[in-house]
Amino acid sequence: MKNLGQMMKQVQDMQARMAEMQEKLVDIEIVGASGGGTVQVTVNGKGTVKTLKIDPSVVNPAETDVLEDLIVVALNDAKSKVDEMSQGEMSKLTGGLPLPPGLKLPF
């Protein structure tokens, strides 16, 4: 039973560190870009869009579909960076412990 007690303590410690990490994610800002930086989206570590910047040179009323595509690419770039950063932080938290496929923490 001693090992079970130790394991429960480790789980509680990991949960506390995960909660702390979740709080910090709100303050992290990540920039996704497209069109050589002409469209930039800033998101926090939870993926919430904070700002959107568009270089006036790409604003052409006759080509709104291009601008829409650039925005989508910038958003996806930012989301990809958030996912990568979160995965790296989670790996640090779990000590590299491989989690079963499809298991996402925190629950």
PDB file of N, CA and C in Angstrom:
ATOM      1  N   MET A   1       0.813  -1.207   0.000  1.00  0.00           N
ATOM      2  CA  MET A   1       0.000   0.000   0.000  1.00  0.00           C
ATOM      3  C   MET A   1       0.854   1.267   0.000  1.00  0.00           C
ATOM      4  N   LYS A   2       2.086   1.118   0.433  1.00  0.00           N
ATOM      5  CA  LYS A   2       2.969   2.272   0.472  1.00  0.00           C
ATOM      6  C   LYS A   2       3.132   2.874  -0.930  1.00  0.00           C
ATOM      7  N   ASN A   3       3.290   2.022  -1.956  1.00  0.00           N
ATOM      8  CA  ASN A   3       3.444   2.501  -3.325  1.00  0.00           C
ATOM      9  C   ASN A   3       2.189   3.207  -3.817  1.00  0.00           C
ATOM     10  N   LEU A   4       1.024   2.711  -3.418  1.00  0.00           N
ATOM     11  CA  LEU A   4      -0.235   3.336  -3.821  1.00  0.00           C
ATOM     12  C   LEU A   4      -0.326   4.739  -3.216  1.00  0.00           C
ATOM     13  N   GLY A   5       0.065   4.891  -1.973  1.00  0.00           N
ATOM     14  CA  GLY A   5       0.070   6.199  -1.317  1.00  0.00           C
ATOM     15  C   GLY A   5       1.016   7.166  -2.016  1.00  0.00           C
ATOM     16  N   GLN A   6       2.182   6.651  -2.389  1.00  0.00           N
ATOM     17  CA  GLN A   6       3.156   7.476  -3.106  1.00  0.00           C
ATOM     18  C   GLN A   6       2.599   7.897  -4.465  1.00  0.00           C
ATOM     19  N   MET A   7       1.965   6.951  -5.137  1.00  0.00           N
ATOM     20  CA  MET A   7       1.409   7.243  -6.455  1.00  0.00           C
ATOM     21  C   MET A   7       0.296   8.285  -6.347  1.00  0.00           C
ATOM     22  N   MET A   8      -0.533   8.190  -5.353  1.00  0.00           N
ATOM     23  CA  MET A   8      -1.613   9.165  -5.158  1.00  0.00           C
ATOM     24  C   MET A   8      -1.038  10.551  -4.881  1.00  0.00           C
ATOM     25  N   LYS A   9       0.038  10.609  -4.104  1.00  0.00           N
ATOM     26  CA  LYS A   9       0.695  11.879  -3.822  1.00  0.00           C
ATOM     27  C   LYS A   9       1.241  12.487  -5.112  1.00  0.00           C
ATOM     28  N   GLN A  10       1.848  11.646  -5.963  1.00  0.00           N
ATOM     29  CA  GLN A  10       2.377  12.129  -7.239  1.00  0.00           C
ATOM     30  C   GLN A  10       1.266  12.653  -8.136  1.00  0.00           C
ATOM     31  N   VAL A  11       0.128  11.966  -8.147  1.00  0.00           N
ATOM     32  CA  VAL A  11      -1.012  12.401  -8.949  1.00  0.00           C
ATOM     33  C   VAL A  11      -1.517  13.753  -8.442  1.00  0.00           C
ATOM     34  N   GLN A  12      -1.601  13.906  -7.119  1.00  0.00           N
ATOM     35  CA  GLN A  12      -2.048  15.174  -6.558  1.00  0.00           C
ATOM     36  C   GLN A  12      -1.080  16.302  -6.895  1.00  0.00           C
ATOM     37  N   ASP A  13       0.211  16.017  -6.820  1.00  0.00           N
ATOM     38  CA  ASP A  13       1.219  17.013  -7.177  1.00  0.00           C
ATOM     39  C   ASP A  13       1.089  17.410  -8.649  1.00  0.00           C
ATOM     40  N   MET A  14       0.892  16.411  -9.506  1.00  0.00           N
ATOM     41  CA  MET A  14       0.757  16.682 -10.933  1.00  0.00           C
ATOM     42  C   MET A  14      -0.508  17.505 -11.196  1.00  0.00           C
ATOM     43  N   GLN A  15      -1.597  17.207 -10.500  1.00  0.00           N
ATOM     44  CA  GLN A  15      -2.825  17.977 -10.670  1.00  0.00           C
ATOM     45  C   GLN A  15      -2.620  19.433 -10.267  1.00  0.00           C
ATOM     46  N   ALA A  16      -1.890  19.653  -9.192  1.00  0.00           N
ATOM     47  CA  ALA A  16      -1.611  21.020  -8.743  1.00  0.00           C
ATOM     48  C   ALA A  16      -0.767  21.755  -9.778  1.00  0.00           C
ATOM     49  N   ARG A  17       0.249  21.071 -10.327  1.00  0.00           N
ATOM     50  CA  ARG A  17       1.090  21.696 -11.351  1.00  0.00           C
ATOM     51  C   ARG A  17       0.292  21.965 -12.625  1.00  0.00           C
ATOM     52  N   MET A  18      -0.639  21.077 -12.958  1.00  0.00           N
ATOM     53  CA  MET A  18      -1.479  21.278 -14.143  1.00  0.00           C
ATOM     54  C   MET A  18      -2.384  22.495 -13.957  1.00  0.00           C
ATOM     55  N   ALA A  19      -2.949  22.648 -12.782  1.00  0.00           N
ATOM     56  CA  ALA A  19      -3.810  23.803 -12.512  1.00  0.00           C
ATOM     57  C   ALA A  19      -3.001  25.089 -12.622  1.00  0.00           C
ATOM     58  N   GLU A  20      -1.782  25.060 -12.115  1.00  0.00           N
ATOM     59  CA  GLU A  20      -0.905  26.228 -12.194  1.00  0.00           C
ATOM     60  C   GLU A  20      -0.567  26.549 -13.651  1.00  0.00           C
ATOM     61  N   MET A  21      -0.293  25.502 -14.435  1.00  0.00           N
ATOM     62  CA  MET A  21       0.020  25.695 -15.841  1.00  0.00           C
ATOM     63  C   MET A  21      -1.180  26.295 -16.578  1.00  0.00           C
ATOM     64  N   GLN A  22      -2.383  25.830 -16.268  1.00  0.00           N
ATOM     65  CA  GLN A  22      -3.593  26.347 -16.907  1.00  0.00           C
ATOM     66  C   GLN A  22      -3.762  27.838 -16.635  1.00  0.00           C
ATOM     67  N   GLU A  23      -3.456  28.257 -15.424  1.00  0.00           N
ATOM     68  CA  GLU A  23      -3.549  29.677 -15.081  1.00  0.00           C
ATOM     69  C   GLU A  23      -2.530  30.504 -15.868  1.00  0.00           C
ATOM     70  N   LYS A  24      -1.343  29.963 -16.047  1.00  0.00           N
ATOM     71  CA  LYS A  24      -0.290  30.683 -16.762  1.00  0.00           C
ATOM     72  C   LYS A  24      -0.592  30.788 -18.254  1.00  0.00           C
ATOM     73  N   LEU A  25      -1.321  29.820 -18.814  1.00  0.00           N
ATOM     74  CA  LEU A  25      -1.607  29.820 -20.246  1.00  0.00           C
ATOM     75  C   LEU A  25      -2.370  31.063 -20.692  1.00  0.00           C
ATOM     76  N   VAL A  26      -3.171  31.625 -19.804  1.00  0.00           N
ATOM     77  CA  VAL A  26      -3.952  32.811 -20.154  1.00  0.00           C
ATOM     78  C   VAL A  26      -3.033  33.997 -20.425  1.00  0.00           C
ATOM     79  N   ASP A  27      -1.879  34.045 -19.766  1.00  0.00           N
ATOM     80  CA  ASP A  27      -0.967  35.181 -19.895  1.00  0.00           C
ATOM     81  C   ASP A  27       0.027  35.044 -21.048  1.00  0.00           C
ATOM     82  N   ILE A  28       0.157  33.844 -21.593  1.00  0.00           N
ATOM     83  CA  ILE A  28       1.098  33.625 -22.689  1.00  0.00           C
ATOM     84  C   ILE A  28       0.480  34.126 -23.987  1.00  0.00           C
ATOM     85  N   GLU A  29       1.260  34.835 -24.792  1.00  0.00           N
ATOM     86  CA  GLU A  29       0.774  35.296 -26.089  1.00  0.00           C
ATOM     87  C   GLU A  29       1.620  34.681 -27.199  1.00  0.00           C
ATOM     88  N   ILE A  30       0.936  34.155 -28.202  1.00  0.00           N
ATOM     89  CA  ILE A  30       1.579  33.492 -29.327  1.00  0.00           C
ATOM     90  C   ILE A  30       1.056  34.140 -30.597  1.00  0.00           C
ATOM     91  N   VAL A  31       1.952  34.417 -31.539  1.00  0.00           N
ATOM     92  CA  VAL A  31       1.562  35.070 -32.789  1.00  0.00           C
ATOM     93  C   VAL A  31       1.618  34.061 -33.932  1.00  0.00           C
ATOM     94  N   GLY A  32       0.519  33.984 -34.667  1.00  0.00           N
ATOM     95  CA  GLY A  32       0.467  33.201 -35.897  1.00  0.00           C
ATOM     96  C   GLY A  32       0.442  34.181 -37.048  1.00  0.00           C
ATOM     97  N   ALA A  33       1.080  33.834 -38.162  1.00  0.00           N
ATOM     98  CA  ALA A  33       1.160  34.768 -39.277  1.00  0.00           C
ATOM     99  C   ALA A  33       0.979  34.059 -40.605  1.00  0.00           C
ATOM    100  N   SER A  34       0.602  34.847 -41.610  1.00  0.00           N
ATOM    101  CA  SER A  34       0.524  34.352 -42.979  1.00  0.00           C
ATOM    102  C   SER A  34       0.832  35.496 -43.923  1.00  0.00           C
ATOM    103  N   GLY A  35       1.000  35.142 -45.188  1.00  0.00           N
ATOM    104  CA  GLY A  35       1.289  36.175 -46.178  1.00  0.00           C
ATOM    105  C   GLY A  35       2.557  36.935 -45.880  1.00  0.00           C
ATOM    106  N   GLY A  36       3.581  36.232 -45.391  1.00  0.00           N
ATOM    107  CA  GLY A  36       4.840  36.897 -45.069  1.00  0.00           C
ATOM    108  C   GLY A  36       4.713  37.894 -43.939  1.00  0.00           C
ATOM    109  N   GLY A  37       3.755  37.656 -43.042  1.00  0.00           N
ATOM    110  CA  GLY A  37       3.569  38.540 -41.892  1.00  0.00           C
ATOM    111  C   GLY A  37       2.575  39.659 -42.143  1.00  0.00           C
ATOM    112  N   THR A  38       1.935  39.661 -43.309  1.00  0.00           N
ATOM    113  CA  THR A  38       0.963  40.720 -43.598  1.00  0.00           C
ATOM    114  C   THR A  38      -0.321  40.553 -42.801  1.00  0.00           C
ATOM    115  N   VAL A  39      -0.597  39.317 -42.363  1.00  0.00           N
ATOM    116  CA  VAL A  39      -1.729  39.052 -41.472  1.00  0.00           C
ATOM    117  C   VAL A  39      -1.164  38.349 -40.245  1.00  0.00           C
ATOM    118  N   GLN A  40      -1.431  38.921 -39.072  1.00  0.00           N
ATOM    119  CA  GLN A  40      -0.940  38.351 -37.823  1.00  0.00           C
ATOM    120  C   GLN A  40      -2.080  38.227 -36.825  1.00  0.00           C
ATOM    121  N   VAL A  41      -2.121  37.073 -36.166  1.00  0.00           N
ATOM    122  CA  VAL A  41      -3.131  36.819 -35.146  1.00  0.00           C
ATOM    123  C   VAL A  41      -2.395  36.496 -33.850  1.00  0.00           C
ATOM    124  N   THR A  42      -2.762  37.193 -32.791  1.00  0.00           N
ATOM    125  CA  THR A  42      -2.183  36.913 -31.481  1.00  0.00           C
ATOM    126  C   THR A  42      -3.233  36.199 -30.649  1.00  0.00           C
ATOM    127  N   VAL A  43      -2.852  35.045 -30.102  1.00  0.00           N
ATOM    128  CA  VAL A  43      -3.746  34.266 -29.251  1.00  0.00           C
ATOM    129  C   VAL A  43      -3.056  34.029 -27.919  1.00  0.00           C
ATOM    130  N   ASN A  44      -3.858  33.739 -26.894  1.00  0.00           N
ATOM    131  CA  ASN A  44      -3.236  33.361 -25.629  1.00  0.00           C
ATOM    132  C   ASN A  44      -2.990  31.859 -25.633  1.00  0.00           C
ATOM    133  N   GLY A  45      -2.408  31.357 -24.590  1.00  0.00           N
ATOM    134  CA  GLY A  45      -2.055  29.943 -24.495  1.00  0.00           C
ATOM    135  C   GLY A  45      -3.236  29.005 -24.490  1.00  0.00           C
ATOM    136  N   LYS A  46      -4.423  29.539 -24.339  1.00  0.00           N
ATOM    137  CA  LYS A  46      -5.626  28.715 -24.396  1.00  0.00           C
ATOM    138  C   LYS A  46      -6.282  28.778 -25.771  1.00  0.00           C
ATOM    139  N   GLY A  47      -5.685  29.569 -26.677  1.00  0.00           N
ATOM    140  CA  GLY A  47      -6.198  29.651 -28.034  1.00  0.00           C
ATOM    141  C   GLY A  47      -7.213  30.755 -28.262  1.00  0.00           C
ATOM    142  N   THR A  48      -7.433  31.611 -27.283  1.00  0.00           N
ATOM    143  CA  THR A  48      -8.365  32.716 -27.434  1.00  0.00           C
ATOM    144  C   THR A  48      -7.692  33.835 -28.227  1.00  0.00           C
ATOM    145  N   VAL A  49      -8.364  34.295 -29.296  1.00  0.00           N
ATOM    146  CA  VAL A  49      -7.801  35.354 -30.128  1.00  0.00           C
ATOM    147  C   VAL A  49      -7.792  36.661 -29.344  1.00  0.00           C
ATOM    148  N   LYS A  50      -6.620  37.283 -29.286  1.00  0.00           N
ATOM    149  CA  LYS A  50      -6.464  38.552 -28.575  1.00  0.00           C
ATOM    150  C   LYS A  50      -6.438  39.729 -29.544  1.00  0.00           C
ATOM    151  N   THR A  51      -5.665  39.603 -30.632  1.00  0.00           N
ATOM    152  CA  THR A  51      -5.593  40.678 -31.616  1.00  0.00           C
ATOM    153  C   THR A  51      -5.479  40.097 -33.022  1.00  0.00           C
ATOM    154  N   LEU A  52      -5.880  40.919 -33.984  1.00  0.00           N
ATOM    155  CA  LEU A  52      -5.746  40.591 -35.398  1.00  0.00           C
ATOM    156  C   LEU A  52      -5.191  41.829 -36.078  1.00  0.00           C
ATOM    157  N   LYS A  53      -4.047  41.685 -36.763  1.00  0.00           N
ATOM    158  CA  LYS A  53      -3.444  42.815 -37.470  1.00  0.00           C
ATOM    159  C   LYS A  53      -3.351  42.477 -38.944  1.00  0.00           C
ATOM    160  N   ILE A  54      -3.803  43.426 -39.774  1.00  0.00           N
ATOM    161  CA  ILE A  54      -3.782  43.239 -41.219  1.00  0.00           C
ATOM    162  C   ILE A  54      -3.045  44.417 -41.846  1.00  0.00           C
ATOM    163  N   ASP A  55      -2.012  44.099 -42.606  1.00  0.00           N
ATOM    164  CA  ASP A  55      -1.271  45.138 -43.321  1.00  0.00           C
ATOM    165  C   ASP A  55      -2.195  45.725 -44.390  1.00  0.00           C
ATOM    166  N   PRO A  56      -2.315  47.048 -44.437  1.00  0.00           N
ATOM    167  CA  PRO A  56      -3.207  47.686 -45.421  1.00  0.00           C
ATOM    168  C   PRO A  56      -2.928  47.287 -46.869  1.00  0.00           C
ATOM    169  N   SER A  57      -1.711  46.853 -47.143  1.00  0.00           N
ATOM    170  CA  SER A  57      -1.370  46.497 -48.527  1.00  0.00           C
ATOM    171  C   SER A  57      -2.132  45.272 -49.033  1.00  0.00           C
ATOM    172  N   VAL A  58      -2.671  44.459 -48.125  1.00  0.00           N
ATOM    173  CA  VAL A  58      -3.412  43.268 -48.564  1.00  0.00           C
ATOM    174  C   VAL A  58      -4.918  43.494 -48.580  1.00  0.00           C
ATOM    175  N   VAL A  59      -5.343  44.700 -48.265  1.00  0.00           N
ATOM    176  CA  VAL A  59      -6.773  44.996 -48.250  1.00  0.00           C
ATOM    177  C   VAL A  59      -7.180  45.528 -49.629  1.00  0.00           C
ATOM    178  N   ASN A  60      -7.813  44.654 -50.377  1.00  0.00           N
ATOM    179  CA  ASN A  60      -8.305  45.001 -51.702  1.00  0.00           C
ATOM    180  C   ASN A  60      -9.754  44.513 -51.763  1.00  0.00           C
ATOM    181  N   PRO A  61     -10.720  45.432 -51.818  1.00  0.00           N
ATOM    182  CA  PRO A  61     -12.129  45.031 -51.811  1.00  0.00           C
ATOM    183  C   PRO A  61     -12.484  44.005 -52.890  1.00  0.00           C
ATOM    184  N   ALA A  62     -11.748  43.992 -53.963  1.00  0.00           N
ATOM    185  CA  ALA A  62     -12.044  43.045 -55.037  1.00  0.00           C
ATOM    186  C   ALA A  62     -11.488  41.650 -54.742  1.00  0.00           C
ATOM    187  N   GLU A  63     -10.638  41.538 -53.724  1.00  0.00           N
ATOM    188  CA  GLU A  63     -10.018  40.245 -53.414  1.00  0.00           C
ATOM    189  C   GLU A  63     -10.206  39.861 -51.949  1.00  0.00           C
ATOM    190  N   THR A  64     -11.405  40.004 -51.448  1.00  0.00           N
ATOM    191  CA  THR A  64     -11.650  39.660 -50.045  1.00  0.00           C
ATOM    192  C   THR A  64     -11.420  38.179 -49.776  1.00  0.00           C
ATOM    193  N   ASP A  65     -11.592  37.330 -50.789  1.00  0.00           N
ATOM    194  CA  ASP A  65     -11.370  35.903 -50.584  1.00  0.00           C
ATOM    195  C   ASP A  65      -9.910  35.619 -50.236  1.00  0.00           C
ATOM    196  N   VAL A  66      -8.966  36.374 -50.796  1.00  0.00           N
ATOM    197  CA  VAL A  66      -7.552  36.209 -50.470  1.00  0.00           C
ATOM    198  C   VAL A  66      -7.311  36.604 -49.020  1.00  0.00           C
ATOM    199  N   LEU A  67      -7.879  37.726 -48.605  1.00  0.00           N
ATOM    200  CA  LEU A  67      -7.722  38.179 -47.224  1.00  0.00           C
ATOM    201  C   LEU A  67      -8.329  37.168 -46.255  1.00  0.00           C
ATOM    202  N   GLU A  68      -9.496  36.641 -46.586  1.00  0.00           N
ATOM    203  CA  GLU A  68     -10.134  35.629 -45.735  1.00  0.00           C
ATOM    204  C   GLU A  68      -9.237  34.408 -45.598  1.00  0.00           C
ATOM    205  N   ASP A  69      -8.639  33.969 -46.701  1.00  0.00           N
ATOM    206  CA  ASP A  69      -7.736  32.819 -46.658  1.00  0.00           C
ATOM    207  C   ASP A  69      -6.514  33.111 -45.783  1.00  0.00           C
ATOM    208  N   LEU A  70      -5.966  34.320 -45.896  1.00  0.00           N
ATOM    209  CA  LEU A  70      -4.814  34.691 -45.082  1.00  0.00           C
ATOM    210  C   LEU A  70      -5.153  34.674 -43.596  1.00  0.00           C
ATOM    211  N   ILE A  71      -6.347  35.128 -43.259  1.00  0.00           N
ATOM    212  CA  ILE A  71      -6.770  35.132 -41.855  1.00  0.00           C
ATOM    213  C   ILE A  71      -6.901  33.705 -41.340  1.00  0.00           C
ATOM    214  N   VAL A  72      -7.515  32.843 -42.139  1.00  0.00           N
ATOM    215  CA  VAL A  72      -7.665  31.444 -41.732  1.00  0.00           C
ATOM    216  C   VAL A  72      -6.294  30.798 -41.521  1.00  0.00           C
ATOM    217  N   VAL A  73      -5.366  31.028 -42.429  1.00  0.00           N
ATOM    218  CA  VAL A  73      -4.020  30.452 -42.306  1.00  0.00           C
ATOM    219  C   VAL A  73      -3.324  30.978 -41.049  1.00  0.00           C
ATOM    220  N   ALA A  74      -3.448  32.276 -40.785  1.00  0.00           N
ATOM    221  CA  ALA A  74      -2.821  32.860 -39.591  1.00  0.00           C
ATOM    222  C   ALA A  74      -3.421  32.274 -38.319  1.00  0.00           C
ATOM    223  N   LEU A  75      -4.744  32.106 -38.286  1.00  0.00           N
ATOM    224  CA  LEU A  75      -5.395  31.500 -37.123  1.00  0.00           C
ATOM    225  C   LEU A  75      -4.924  30.063 -36.918  1.00  0.00           C
ATOM    226  N   ASN A  76      -4.858  29.304 -38.003  1.00  0.00           N
ATOM    227  CA  ASN A  76      -4.398  27.923 -37.886  1.00  0.00           C
ATOM    228  C   ASN A  76      -2.938  27.844 -37.467  1.00  0.00           C
ATOM    229  N   ASP A  77      -2.120  28.787 -37.933  1.00  0.00           N
ATOM    230  CA  ASP A  77      -0.718  28.841 -37.524  1.00  0.00           C
ATOM    231  C   ASP A  77      -0.614  29.093 -36.024  1.00  0.00           C
ATOM    232  N   ALA A  78      -1.404  30.038 -35.538  1.00  0.00           N
ATOM    233  CA  ALA A  78      -1.392  30.344 -34.099  1.00  0.00           C
ATOM    234  C   ALA A  78      -1.868  29.142 -33.293  1.00  0.00           C
ATOM    235  N   LYS A  79      -2.945  28.487 -33.735  1.00  0.00           N
ATOM    236  CA  LYS A  79      -3.469  27.324 -33.014  1.00  0.00           C
ATOM    237  C   LYS A  79      -2.443  26.201 -32.981  1.00  0.00           C
ATOM    238  N   SER A  80      -1.761  25.991 -34.095  1.00  0.00           N
ATOM    239  CA  SER A  80      -0.731  24.966 -34.155  1.00  0.00           C
ATOM    240  C   SER A  80       0.385  25.253 -33.151  1.00  0.00           C
ATOM    241  N   LYS A  81       0.775  26.517 -33.033  1.00  0.00           N
ATOM    242  CA  LYS A  81       1.818  26.898 -32.077  1.00  0.00           C
ATOM    243  C   LYS A  81       1.338  26.720 -30.636  1.00  0.00           C
ATOM    244  N   VAL A  82       0.069  27.033 -30.378  1.00  0.00           N
ATOM    245  CA  VAL A  82      -0.489  26.827 -29.034  1.00  0.00           C
ATOM    246  C   VAL A  82      -0.476  25.340 -28.697  1.00  0.00           C
ATOM    247  N   ASP A  83      -0.918  24.507 -29.629  1.00  0.00           N
ATOM    248  CA  ASP A  83      -0.943  23.064 -29.395  1.00  0.00           C
ATOM    249  C   ASP A  83       0.451  22.521 -29.131  1.00  0.00           C
ATOM    250  N   GLU A  84       1.424  22.985 -29.914  1.00  0.00           N
ATOM    251  CA  GLU A  84       2.809  22.544 -29.748  1.00  0.00           C
ATOM    252  C   GLU A  84       3.354  22.965 -28.390  1.00  0.00           C
ATOM    253  N   MET A  85       3.082  24.216 -27.995  1.00  0.00           N
ATOM    254  CA  MET A  85       3.555  24.714 -26.713  1.00  0.00           C
ATOM    255  C   MET A  85       2.887  23.950 -25.567  1.00  0.00           C
ATOM    256  N   SER A  86       1.591  23.716 -25.685  1.00  0.00           N
ATOM    257  CA  SER A  86       0.864  22.992 -24.641  1.00  0.00           C
ATOM    258  C   SER A  86       1.377  21.569 -24.505  1.00  0.00           C
ATOM    259  N   GLN A  87       1.634  20.927 -25.635  1.00  0.00           N
ATOM    260  CA  GLN A  87       2.143  19.564 -25.607  1.00  0.00           C
ATOM    261  C   GLN A  87       3.514  19.509 -24.932  1.00  0.00           C
ATOM    262  N   GLY A  88       4.355  20.499 -25.230  1.00  0.00           N
ATOM    263  CA  GLY A  88       5.675  20.558 -24.596  1.00  0.00           C
ATOM    264  C   GLY A  88       5.574  20.764 -23.095  1.00  0.00           C
ATOM    265  N   GLU A  89       4.673  21.655 -22.686  1.00  0.00           N
ATOM    266  CA  GLU A  89       4.481  21.889 -21.255  1.00  0.00           C
ATOM    267  C   GLU A  89       3.913  20.650 -20.564  1.00  0.00           C
ATOM    268  N   MET A  90       2.980  19.971 -21.228  1.00  0.00           N
ATOM    269  CA  MET A  90       2.385  18.769 -20.647  1.00  0.00           C
ATOM    270  C   MET A  90       3.434  17.671 -20.530  1.00  0.00           C
ATOM    271  N   SER A  91       4.320  17.584 -21.514  1.00  0.00           N
ATOM    272  CA  SER A  91       5.379  16.590 -21.464  1.00  0.00           C
ATOM    273  C   SER A  91       6.301  16.847 -20.280  1.00  0.00           C
ATOM    274  N   LYS A  92       6.608  18.129 -20.034  1.00  0.00           N
ATOM    275  CA  LYS A  92       7.422  18.478 -18.864  1.00  0.00           C
ATOM    276  C   LYS A  92       6.711  18.073 -17.581  1.00  0.00           C
ATOM    277  N   LEU A  93       5.406  18.311 -17.568  1.00  0.00           N
ATOM    278  CA  LEU A  93       4.601  18.053 -16.377  1.00  0.00           C
ATOM    279  C   LEU A  93       4.517  16.567 -16.057  1.00  0.00           C
ATOM    280  N   THR A  94       4.372  15.754 -17.097  1.00  0.00           N
ATOM    281  CA  THR A  94       4.223  14.313 -16.883  1.00  0.00           C
ATOM    282  C   THR A  94       5.570  13.605 -16.854  1.00  0.00           C
ATOM    283  N   GLY A  95       6.647  14.377 -16.963  1.00  0.00           N
ATOM    284  CA  GLY A  95       7.977  13.785 -16.917  1.00  0.00           C
ATOM    285  C   GLY A  95       8.250  12.903 -18.115  1.00  0.00           C
ATOM    286  N   GLY A  96       7.619  13.221 -19.249  1.00  0.00           N
ATOM    287  CA  GLY A  96       7.828  12.426 -20.455  1.00  0.00           C
ATOM    288  C   GLY A  96       7.039  11.138 -20.458  1.00  0.00           C
ATOM    289  N   LEU A  97       6.194  10.940 -19.457  1.00  0.00           N
ATOM    290  CA  LEU A  97       5.381   9.739 -19.371  1.00  0.00           C
ATOM    291  C   LEU A  97       4.441   9.697 -20.569  1.00  0.00           C
ATOM    292  N   PRO A  98       4.542   8.669 -21.400  1.00  0.00           N
ATOM    293  CA  PRO A  98       3.662   8.612 -22.569  1.00  0.00           C
ATOM    294  C   PRO A  98       2.222   8.341 -22.138  1.00  0.00           C
ATOM    295  N   LEU A  99       1.317   9.165 -22.621  1.00  0.00           N
ATOM    296  CA  LEU A  99      -0.095   8.983 -22.297  1.00  0.00           C
ATOM    297  C   LEU A  99      -0.754   8.200 -23.418  1.00  0.00           C
ATOM    298  N   PRO A 100      -1.804   7.443 -23.093  1.00  0.00           N
ATOM    299  CA  PRO A 100      -2.496   6.677 -24.124  1.00  0.00           C
ATOM    300  C   PRO A 100      -3.025   7.598 -25.221  1.00  0.00           C
ATOM    301  N   PRO A 101      -3.055   7.131 -26.468  1.00  0.00           N
ATOM    302  CA  PRO A 101      -3.560   7.955 -27.568  1.00  0.00           C
ATOM    303  C   PRO A 101      -4.981   8.443 -27.279  1.00  0.00           C
ATOM    304  N   GLY A 102      -5.223   9.701 -27.562  1.00  0.00           N
ATOM    305  CA  GLY A 102      -6.555  10.269 -27.357  1.00  0.00           C
ATOM    306  C   GLY A 102      -6.796  10.811 -25.962  1.00  0.00           C
ATOM    307  N   LEU A 103      -5.898  10.503 -25.012  1.00  0.00           N
ATOM    308  CA  LEU A 103      -6.061  11.022 -23.652  1.00  0.00           C
ATOM    309  C   LEU A 103      -5.515  12.416 -23.605  1.00  0.00           C
ATOM    310  N   LYS A 104      -6.379  13.369 -23.300  1.00  0.00           N
ATOM    311  CA  LYS A 104      -5.954  14.762 -23.237  1.00  0.00           C
ATOM    312  C   LYS A 104      -6.066  15.226 -21.802  1.00  0.00           C
ATOM    313  N   LEU A 105      -5.028  15.879 -21.340  1.00  0.00           N
ATOM    314  CA  LEU A 105      -5.038  16.452 -19.997  1.00  0.00           C
ATOM    315  C   LEU A 105      -5.014  17.952 -20.132  1.00  0.00           C
ATOM    316  N   PRO A 106      -5.555  18.695 -19.243  1.00  0.00           N
ATOM    317  CA  PRO A 106      -6.391  18.238 -18.138  1.00  0.00           C
ATOM    318  C   PRO A 106      -7.752  17.775 -18.645  1.00  0.00           C
ATOM    319  N   PHE A 107      -8.358  16.942 -17.848  1.00  0.00           N
ATOM    320  CA  PHE A 107      -9.605  16.288 -18.245  1.00  0.00           C
ATOM    321  C   PHE A 107     -10.721  17.264 -18.417  1.00  0.00           C
TER     322      PHE A 107
END
